[in-house]
Amino acid sequence: MVKEIHDCPENCEKVREFVRERDGVGYASRVLDEYIGKAVLSLAPLPDSAAKRYLVDLARFNALRTV
C-alpha cells in the first residue's frame, strides 16, 4: 500500500489510519531513541573532544528534528 501512494493517492488516508491505529509514530520514536542511545554509548570510549561532542549532539539532534 505504501509503495502505491503515488499511484493511488486515496491510499494515503488508509496508511495514515494504519499508522495511527498501531502507534506507528510512537514506535518509531522509541526505536529512534534506542539507536541514539546505542550511538552515544558507542562514542563513550573516545576521549572527550570537540569532535566527540559534535557527534553526540548530532545523534541527539535526530530526536528533536521535525519533518
C-alpha atoms as a PDB file:
ATOM      1  CA  MET A   1       0.000   0.000   0.000  1.00  0.00           C
ATOM      2  CA  VAL A   2       2.816   2.433   0.855  1.00  0.00           C
ATOM      3  CA  LYS A   3       4.569   1.753  -2.459  1.00  0.00           C
ATOM      4  CA  GLU A   4       1.388   2.673  -4.288  1.00  0.00           C
ATOM      5  CA  ILE A   5       0.718   6.029  -2.600  1.00  0.00           C
ATOM      6  CA  HIS A   6       1.974   7.998  -5.587  1.00  0.00           C
ATOM      7  CA  ASP A   7      -0.096   5.912  -7.996  1.00  0.00           C
ATOM      8  CA  CYS A   8      -3.177   5.789  -5.714  1.00  0.00           C
ATOM      9  CA  PRO A   9      -3.402   8.911  -3.541  1.00  0.00           C
ATOM     10  CA  GLU A  10      -6.571   7.524  -1.934  1.00  0.00           C
ATOM     11  CA  ASN A  11      -4.321   5.043  -0.118  1.00  0.00           C
ATOM     12  CA  CYS A  12      -2.703   7.913   1.752  1.00  0.00           C
ATOM     13  CA  GLU A  13      -5.511   8.127   4.306  1.00  0.00           C
ATOM     14  CA  LYS A  14      -5.514   4.337   4.688  1.00  0.00           C
ATOM     15  CA  VAL A  15      -1.815   4.423   5.501  1.00  0.00           C
ATOM     16  CA  ARG A  16      -2.299   7.274   7.992  1.00  0.00           C
ATOM     17  CA  GLU A  17      -5.067   5.340   9.742  1.00  0.00           C
ATOM     18  CA  PHE A  18      -2.929   2.179   9.804  1.00  0.00           C
ATOM     19  CA  VAL A  19      -0.069   4.097  11.417  1.00  0.00           C
ATOM     20  CA  ARG A  20      -2.389   5.788  13.942  1.00  0.00           C
ATOM     21  CA  GLU A  21      -4.094   2.546  14.947  1.00  0.00           C
ATOM     22  CA  ARG A  22      -0.784   0.818  15.571  1.00  0.00           C
ATOM     23  CA  ASP A  23       1.015   3.744  17.261  1.00  0.00           C
ATOM     24  CA  GLY A  24       3.493   3.763  14.392  1.00  0.00           C
ATOM     25  CA  VAL A  25       4.870   7.197  15.247  1.00  0.00           C
ATOM     26  CA  GLY A  26       5.334   6.279  18.904  1.00  0.00           C
ATOM     27  CA  TYR A  27       7.037   3.041  17.910  1.00  0.00           C
ATOM     28  CA  ALA A  28       9.352   4.842  15.501  1.00  0.00           C
ATOM     29  CA  SER A  29      10.204   7.369  18.218  1.00  0.00           C
ATOM     30  CA  ARG A  30      11.082   4.602  20.695  1.00  0.00           C
ATOM     31  CA  VAL A  31      13.262   2.819  18.139  1.00  0.00           C
ATOM     32  CA  LEU A  32      14.989   6.098  17.286  1.00  0.00           C
ATOM     33  CA  ASP A  33      15.707   6.690  20.988  1.00  0.00           C
ATOM     34  CA  GLU A  34      17.241   3.210  21.240  1.00  0.00           C
ATOM     35  CA  TYR A  35      19.520   3.838  18.275  1.00  0.00           C
ATOM     36  CA  ILE A  36      20.544   7.243  19.596  1.00  0.00           C
ATOM     37  CA  GLY A  37      21.382   5.659  22.949  1.00  0.00           C
ATOM     38  CA  LYS A  38      23.486   2.995  21.219  1.00  0.00           C
ATOM     39  CA  ALA A  39      25.257   5.637  19.142  1.00  0.00           C
ATOM     40  CA  VAL A  40      26.085   7.756  22.174  1.00  0.00           C
ATOM     41  CA  LEU A  41      27.275   4.692  24.133  1.00  0.00           C
ATOM     42  CA  SER A  42      29.497   3.650  21.244  1.00  0.00           C
ATOM     43  CA  LEU A  43      31.230   7.043  21.483  1.00  0.00           C
ATOM     44  CA  ALA A  44      31.824   6.720  25.243  1.00  0.00           C
ATOM     45  CA  PRO A  45      35.281   5.084  24.933  1.00  0.00           C
ATOM     46  CA  LEU A  46      36.592   8.007  22.888  1.00  0.00           C
ATOM     47  CA  PRO A  47      38.443  10.770  24.705  1.00  0.00           C
ATOM     48  CA  ASP A  48      36.461  13.933  25.268  1.00  0.00           C
ATOM     49  CA  SER A  49      36.920  16.336  22.381  1.00  0.00           C
ATOM     50  CA  ALA A  50      35.029  18.824  20.292  1.00  0.00           C
ATOM     51  CA  ALA A  51      34.550  16.158  17.606  1.00  0.00           C
ATOM     52  CA  LYS A  52      33.055  13.683  20.100  1.00  0.00           C
ATOM     53  CA  ARG A  53      30.688  16.313  21.494  1.00  0.00           C
ATOM     54  CA  TYR A  54      29.646  17.192  17.949  1.00  0.00           C
ATOM     55  CA  LEU A  55      28.857  13.545  17.163  1.00  0.00           C
ATOM     56  CA  VAL A  56      26.838  13.159  20.381  1.00  0.00           C
ATOM     57  CA  ASP A  57      24.947  16.371  19.635  1.00  0.00           C
ATOM     58  CA  LEU A  58      24.342  15.235  16.060  1.00  0.00           C
ATOM     59  CA  ALA A  59      22.905  11.913  17.231  1.00  0.00           C
ATOM     60  CA  ARG A  60      20.621  13.630  19.735  1.00  0.00           C
ATOM     61  CA  PHE A  61      19.550  16.219  17.169  1.00  0.00           C
ATOM     62  CA  ASN A  62      17.782  13.453  15.225  1.00  0.00           C
ATOM     63  CA  ALA A  63      15.283  13.055  18.067  1.00  0.00           C
ATOM     64  CA  LEU A  64      14.479  16.779  18.044  1.00  0.00           C
ATOM     65  CA  ARG A  65      14.060  17.444  14.348  1.00  0.00           C
ATOM     66  CA  THR A  66      10.688  17.648  12.691  1.00  0.00           C
ATOM     67  CA  VAL A  67       9.691  16.913   9.147  1.00  0.00           C
END
